[in-house]
Amino acid sequence: MSRRVLARHGQLTVVNLVATSELNQPVDLEKLANVEGFLYDQAIYPCVYLKDNYTKTKVSIFSSGKMISFGGRNFSDAKHDLAYAARRLAKLRLIKGAGIVAKVQNIVATGEIGHSIDIEKLSTKLPSIIYEPEQFPGAIYYAKELEGASILIFANGKVVFAGLKREELLEVGKQVLIKLAELV
């Protein structure tokens, strides 16, 4: 396969970015039970969810002050939504003004090798690959350059990157994807 075709298939699409932040103060979740944009139902989960017209992600807010943004496509949106949640809580006088420091916890992205592959053959060519077809229909590959993240590789050529800790690793992932396409 030519490098031009490989480059077209060496694209990754972020399907979920999870980021966290700490308010460093407790939050009385009960007071958010009837506030527009917030969902609080102890039967569902021990937190409040914030999702409104000003957020691109969903933000979980815990009574400890920990916040988690999930469902986003980039870190910029996650940071915005975490800061927005802190501002909303401050405006409601549930916390004292809080500057937040957001941190990426996990990025999940999908891609394609560009053709179907023989996973069994691939599993003999790569170190740090797990292929147990009785347990899972794909291979799990831990590319050293992805700093602990894994790649799920399926016979139809589709791949899922999970556990990326920085957006910069998406570029590294694209190169790994191109190498995988050349290998099989």
C-alpha atoms as a PDB file:
ATOM      1  CA  MET A   1       0.000   0.000   0.000  1.00  0.00           C
ATOM      2  CA  SER A   2       1.404   3.413  -0.933  1.00  0.00           C
ATOM      3  CA  ARG A   3       2.289   6.017   1.700  1.00  0.00           C
ATOM      4  CA  ARG A   4      -0.355   8.352   0.205  1.00  0.00           C
ATOM      5  CA  VAL A   5      -3.110   5.793   0.810  1.00  0.00           C
ATOM      6  CA  LEU A   6      -1.654   5.040   4.253  1.00  0.00           C
ATOM      7  CA  ALA A   7      -1.681   8.724   5.152  1.00  0.00           C
ATOM      8  CA  ARG A   8      -5.388   8.895   4.318  1.00  0.00           C
ATOM      9  CA  HIS A   9      -6.041   5.960   6.638  1.00  0.00           C
ATOM     10  CA  GLY A  10      -3.633   7.257   9.296  1.00  0.00           C
ATOM     11  CA  GLN A  11      -6.361   9.507  10.695  1.00  0.00           C
ATOM     12  CA  LEU A  12      -7.772   9.259  14.179  1.00  0.00           C
ATOM     13  CA  THR A  13     -11.139  10.537  15.358  1.00  0.00           C
ATOM     14  CA  VAL A  14     -11.491  11.386  19.031  1.00  0.00           C
ATOM     15  CA  VAL A  15     -14.709   9.846  20.322  1.00  0.00           C
ATOM     16  CA  ASN A  16     -14.273  10.668  24.018  1.00  0.00           C
ATOM     17  CA  LEU A  17     -11.930  12.856  26.049  1.00  0.00           C
ATOM     18  CA  VAL A  18     -12.104  12.668  29.832  1.00  0.00           C
ATOM     19  CA  ALA A  19     -10.603  15.488  31.899  1.00  0.00           C
ATOM     20  CA  THR A  20     -10.719  16.211  35.626  1.00  0.00           C
ATOM     21  CA  SER A  21     -10.366  19.161  37.948  1.00  0.00           C
ATOM     22  CA  GLU A  22     -10.600  19.849  41.676  1.00  0.00           C
ATOM     23  CA  LEU A  23     -12.546  22.686  43.278  1.00  0.00           C
ATOM     24  CA  ASN A  24     -10.643  22.067  46.536  1.00  0.00           C
ATOM     25  CA  GLN A  25     -13.828  22.608  48.525  1.00  0.00           C
ATOM     26  CA  PRO A  26     -16.982  20.585  49.135  1.00  0.00           C
ATOM     27  CA  VAL A  27     -20.200  21.108  47.181  1.00  0.00           C
ATOM     28  CA  ASP A  28     -23.710  20.659  48.618  1.00  0.00           C
ATOM     29  CA  LEU A  29     -25.229  18.627  45.793  1.00  0.00           C
ATOM     30  CA  GLU A  30     -28.735  18.683  47.285  1.00  0.00           C
ATOM     31  CA  LYS A  31     -28.972  22.403  46.500  1.00  0.00           C
ATOM     32  CA  LEU A  32     -28.564  21.650  42.789  1.00  0.00           C
ATOM     33  CA  ALA A  33     -31.492  19.222  42.628  1.00  0.00           C
ATOM     34  CA  ASN A  34     -33.850  21.715  40.962  1.00  0.00           C
ATOM     35  CA  VAL A  35     -31.426  24.085  39.250  1.00  0.00           C
ATOM     36  CA  GLU A  36     -31.742  24.286  35.462  1.00  0.00           C
ATOM     37  CA  GLY A  37     -28.967  22.457  33.616  1.00  0.00           C
ATOM     38  CA  PHE A  38     -28.110  20.236  36.565  1.00  0.00           C
ATOM     39  CA  LEU A  39     -29.319  16.668  37.071  1.00  0.00           C
ATOM     40  CA  TYR A  40     -29.141  15.205  40.550  1.00  0.00           C
ATOM     41  CA  ASP A  41     -30.507  11.757  41.250  1.00  0.00           C
ATOM     42  CA  GLN A  42     -28.786   9.705  43.942  1.00  0.00           C
ATOM     43  CA  ALA A  43     -30.347   6.551  42.464  1.00  0.00           C
ATOM     44  CA  ILE A  44     -28.382   7.108  39.246  1.00  0.00           C
ATOM     45  CA  TYR A  45     -24.976   8.180  40.563  1.00  0.00           C
ATOM     46  CA  PRO A  46     -23.583  10.002  43.608  1.00  0.00           C
ATOM     47  CA  CYS A  47     -22.923  13.240  41.748  1.00  0.00           C
ATOM     48  CA  VAL A  48     -24.601  16.065  39.873  1.00  0.00           C
ATOM     49  CA  TYR A  49     -24.422  16.203  36.093  1.00  0.00           C
ATOM     50  CA  LEU A  50     -24.176  19.536  34.316  1.00  0.00           C
ATOM     51  CA  LYS A  51     -25.201  19.681  30.676  1.00  0.00           C
ATOM     52  CA  ASP A  52     -26.800  22.741  29.095  1.00  0.00           C
ATOM     53  CA  ASN A  53     -26.637  24.898  25.974  1.00  0.00           C
ATOM     54  CA  TYR A  54     -23.252  26.318  27.032  1.00  0.00           C
ATOM     55  CA  THR A  55     -21.451  22.989  27.448  1.00  0.00           C
ATOM     56  CA  LYS A  56     -20.077  20.666  24.790  1.00  0.00           C
ATOM     57  CA  THR A  57     -19.325  17.905  27.286  1.00  0.00           C
ATOM     58  CA  LYS A  58     -21.108  16.536  30.307  1.00  0.00           C
ATOM     59  CA  VAL A  59     -19.601  17.469  33.675  1.00  0.00           C
ATOM     60  CA  SER A  60     -19.950  15.320  36.786  1.00  0.00           C
ATOM     61  CA  ILE A  61     -19.633  17.261  40.024  1.00  0.00           C
ATOM     62  CA  PHE A  62     -19.017  15.331  43.244  1.00  0.00           C
ATOM     63  CA  SER A  63     -19.655  16.510  46.803  1.00  0.00           C
ATOM     64  CA  SER A  64     -15.893  16.323  47.425  1.00  0.00           C
ATOM     65  CA  GLY A  65     -15.347  19.061  44.831  1.00  0.00           C
ATOM     66  CA  LYS A  66     -13.935  16.751  42.181  1.00  0.00           C
ATOM     67  CA  MET A  67     -15.251  17.372  38.657  1.00  0.00           C
ATOM     68  CA  ILE A  68     -15.040  15.158  35.586  1.00  0.00           C
ATOM     69  CA  SER A  69     -15.721  16.285  32.029  1.00  0.00           C
ATOM     70  CA  PHE A  70     -16.509  13.488  29.586  1.00  0.00           C
ATOM     71  CA  GLY A  71     -17.886  13.025  26.101  1.00  0.00           C
ATOM     72  CA  GLY A  72     -15.801  15.779  24.567  1.00  0.00           C
ATOM     73  CA  ARG A  73     -13.710  15.742  21.438  1.00  0.00           C
ATOM     74  CA  ASN A  74     -10.854  17.999  22.600  1.00  0.00           C
ATOM     75  CA  PHE A  75      -9.179  19.314  25.737  1.00  0.00           C
ATOM     76  CA  SER A  76     -10.175  22.905  25.013  1.00  0.00           C
ATOM     77  CA  ASP A  77     -13.877  22.048  25.296  1.00  0.00           C
ATOM     78  CA  ALA A  78     -13.273  20.037  28.468  1.00  0.00           C
ATOM     79  CA  LYS A  79     -11.349  22.914  30.112  1.00  0.00           C
ATOM     80  CA  HIS A  80     -14.054  25.365  29.102  1.00  0.00           C
ATOM     81  CA  ASP A  81     -16.810  23.208  30.558  1.00  0.00           C
ATOM     82  CA  LEU A  82     -14.974  22.539  33.833  1.00  0.00           C
ATOM     83  CA  ALA A  83     -14.336  26.276  34.282  1.00  0.00           C
ATOM     84  CA  TYR A  84     -17.951  27.032  33.349  1.00  0.00           C
ATOM     85  CA  ALA A  85     -19.184  24.538  35.970  1.00  0.00           C
ATOM     86  CA  ALA A  86     -17.014  26.205  38.628  1.00  0.00           C
ATOM     87  CA  ARG A  87     -18.369  29.640  37.648  1.00  0.00           C
ATOM     88  CA  ARG A  88     -21.967  28.383  37.814  1.00  0.00           C
ATOM     89  CA  LEU A  89     -21.380  26.907  41.275  1.00  0.00           C
ATOM     90  CA  ALA A  90     -19.779  30.163  42.445  1.00  0.00           C
ATOM     91  CA  LYS A  91     -22.650  32.220  41.014  1.00  0.00           C
ATOM     92  CA  LEU A  92     -25.084  29.980  42.923  1.00  0.00           C
ATOM     93  CA  ARG A  93     -22.932  30.618  46.034  1.00  0.00           C
ATOM     94  CA  LEU A  94     -22.290  26.939  46.544  1.00  0.00           C
ATOM     95  CA  ILE A  95     -18.519  27.468  46.408  1.00  0.00           C
ATOM     96  CA  LYS A  96     -16.142  30.351  46.791  1.00  0.00           C
ATOM     97  CA  GLY A  97     -14.670  31.431  43.471  1.00  0.00           C
ATOM     98  CA  ALA A  98     -12.427  28.681  42.254  1.00  0.00           C
ATOM     99  CA  GLY A  99      -9.797  28.712  39.565  1.00  0.00           C
ATOM    100  CA  ILE A 100      -9.487  25.275  38.089  1.00  0.00           C
ATOM    101  CA  VAL A 101      -6.599  23.278  36.702  1.00  0.00           C
ATOM    102  CA  ALA A 102      -7.831  20.688  34.234  1.00  0.00           C
ATOM    103  CA  LYS A 103      -5.963  17.502  33.425  1.00  0.00           C
ATOM    104  CA  VAL A 104      -6.571  14.951  30.665  1.00  0.00           C
ATOM    105  CA  GLN A 105      -7.214  11.495  32.113  1.00  0.00           C
ATOM    106  CA  ASN A 106      -8.128   9.500  29.025  1.00  0.00           C
ATOM    107  CA  ILE A 107      -8.592   9.949  25.303  1.00  0.00           C
ATOM    108  CA  VAL A 108     -10.355   7.348  23.184  1.00  0.00           C
ATOM    109  CA  ALA A 109      -9.962   7.604  19.417  1.00  0.00           C
ATOM    110  CA  THR A 110     -10.873   5.425  16.460  1.00  0.00           C
ATOM    111  CA  GLY A 111      -9.189   4.871  13.130  1.00  0.00           C
ATOM    112  CA  GLU A 112      -8.757   2.455  10.259  1.00  0.00           C
ATOM    113  CA  ILE A 113      -5.780   0.589   8.906  1.00  0.00           C
ATOM    114  CA  GLY A 114      -7.436   0.758   5.502  1.00  0.00           C
ATOM    115  CA  HIS A 115      -7.868  -2.925   4.749  1.00  0.00           C
ATOM    116  CA  SER A 116      -8.706  -6.168   6.483  1.00  0.00           C
ATOM    117  CA  ILE A 117      -5.860  -7.896   8.273  1.00  0.00           C
ATOM    118  CA  ASP A 118      -4.796 -11.304   9.497  1.00  0.00           C
ATOM    119  CA  ILE A 119      -4.622 -10.661  13.235  1.00  0.00           C
ATOM    120  CA  GLU A 120      -2.913 -13.979  13.942  1.00  0.00           C
ATOM    121  CA  LYS A 121      -0.116 -13.104  11.528  1.00  0.00           C
ATOM    122  CA  LEU A 122       0.120  -9.600  12.977  1.00  0.00           C
ATOM    123  CA  SER A 123       0.404 -11.024  16.490  1.00  0.00           C
ATOM    124  CA  THR A 124       3.621 -12.806  15.503  1.00  0.00           C
ATOM    125  CA  LYS A 125       5.200  -9.589  14.219  1.00  0.00           C
ATOM    126  CA  LEU A 126       4.683  -7.265  17.175  1.00  0.00           C
ATOM    127  CA  PRO A 127       5.982  -7.265  20.721  1.00  0.00           C
ATOM    128  CA  SER A 128       3.527  -6.353  23.483  1.00  0.00           C
ATOM    129  CA  ILE A 129       0.490  -7.681  21.633  1.00  0.00           C
ATOM    130  CA  ILE A 130      -2.187  -9.902  23.134  1.00  0.00           C
ATOM    131  CA  TYR A 131      -4.342 -12.012  20.865  1.00  0.00           C
ATOM    132  CA  GLU A 132      -6.670 -14.567  22.409  1.00  0.00           C
ATOM    133  CA  PRO A 133      -9.527 -15.075  19.918  1.00  0.00           C
ATOM    134  CA  GLU A 134     -11.475 -17.229  22.389  1.00  0.00           C
ATOM    135  CA  GLN A 135     -11.581 -14.259  24.792  1.00  0.00           C
ATOM    136  CA  PHE A 136     -11.843 -11.233  22.470  1.00  0.00           C
ATOM    137  CA  PRO A 137     -12.288 -10.877  18.677  1.00  0.00           C
ATOM    138  CA  GLY A 138      -9.378  -8.466  18.291  1.00  0.00           C
ATOM    139  CA  ALA A 139      -5.786  -7.979  19.329  1.00  0.00           C
ATOM    140  CA  ILE A 140      -4.684  -5.624  22.077  1.00  0.00           C
ATOM    141  CA  TYR A 141      -1.427  -3.872  21.282  1.00  0.00           C
ATOM    142  CA  TYR A 142       0.632  -1.735  23.655  1.00  0.00           C
ATOM    143  CA  ALA A 143       2.881   0.449  21.521  1.00  0.00           C
ATOM    144  CA  LYS A 144       5.753   1.702  23.664  1.00  0.00           C
ATOM    145  CA  GLU A 145       5.575   5.192  22.180  1.00  0.00           C
ATOM    146  CA  LEU A 146       1.950   5.588  23.347  1.00  0.00           C
ATOM    147  CA  GLU A 147       3.032   5.650  27.011  1.00  0.00           C
ATOM    148  CA  GLY A 148       0.806   2.858  28.293  1.00  0.00           C
ATOM    149  CA  ALA A 149      -2.199   3.386  26.025  1.00  0.00           C
ATOM    150  CA  SER A 150      -3.605   0.402  24.175  1.00  0.00           C
ATOM    151  CA  ILE A 151      -4.793  -0.178  20.630  1.00  0.00           C
ATOM    152  CA  LEU A 152      -7.589  -2.611  19.916  1.00  0.00           C
ATOM    153  CA  ILE A 153      -7.056  -4.022  16.422  1.00  0.00           C
ATOM    154  CA  PHE A 154      -9.850  -5.822  14.581  1.00  0.00           C
ATOM    155  CA  ALA A 155      -9.711  -8.077  11.509  1.00  0.00           C
ATOM    156  CA  ASN A 156     -11.758  -5.599   9.444  1.00  0.00           C
ATOM    157  CA  GLY A 157      -8.935  -3.051   9.872  1.00  0.00           C
ATOM    158  CA  LYS A 158     -10.696  -0.871  12.424  1.00  0.00           C
ATOM    159  CA  VAL A 159      -8.737   0.224  15.489  1.00  0.00           C
ATOM    160  CA  VAL A 160      -9.556   1.851  18.815  1.00  0.00           C
ATOM    161  CA  PHE A 161      -6.948   3.761  20.810  1.00  0.00           C
ATOM    162  CA  ALA A 162      -7.717   3.902  24.536  1.00  0.00           C
ATOM    163  CA  GLY A 163      -5.850   5.372  27.471  1.00  0.00           C
ATOM    164  CA  LEU A 164      -4.061   8.231  25.725  1.00  0.00           C
ATOM    165  CA  LYS A 165      -3.067  10.768  28.406  1.00  0.00           C
ATOM    166  CA  ARG A 166      -2.169  13.741  26.220  1.00  0.00           C
ATOM    167  CA  GLU A 167      -3.557  15.171  22.992  1.00  0.00           C
ATOM    168  CA  GLU A 168      -0.030  15.142  21.534  1.00  0.00           C
ATOM    169  CA  LEU A 169      -0.171  11.343  21.603  1.00  0.00           C
ATOM    170  CA  LEU A 170      -2.833  11.476  18.880  1.00  0.00           C
ATOM    171  CA  GLU A 171      -0.098  12.452  16.402  1.00  0.00           C
ATOM    172  CA  VAL A 172       2.078   9.607  17.665  1.00  0.00           C
ATOM    173  CA  GLY A 173      -0.938   7.311  17.319  1.00  0.00           C
ATOM    174  CA  LYS A 174      -1.325   8.306  13.670  1.00  0.00           C
ATOM    175  CA  GLN A 175       2.263   7.245  13.011  1.00  0.00           C
ATOM    176  CA  VAL A 176       1.698   3.944  14.831  1.00  0.00           C
ATOM    177  CA  LEU A 177      -1.408   3.395  12.704  1.00  0.00           C
ATOM    178  CA  ILE A 178       0.594   3.954   9.503  1.00  0.00           C
ATOM    179  CA  LYS A 179       3.267   1.495  10.724  1.00  0.00           C
ATOM    180  CA  LEU A 180       0.584  -1.086  11.462  1.00  0.00           C
ATOM    181  CA  ALA A 181      -0.839  -0.679   7.941  1.00  0.00           C
ATOM    182  CA  GLU A 182       2.624  -1.231   6.460  1.00  0.00           C
ATOM    183  CA  LEU A 183       3.202  -4.304   8.601  1.00  0.00           C
ATOM    184  CA  VAL A 184       0.190  -6.266   7.383  1.00  0.00           C
END
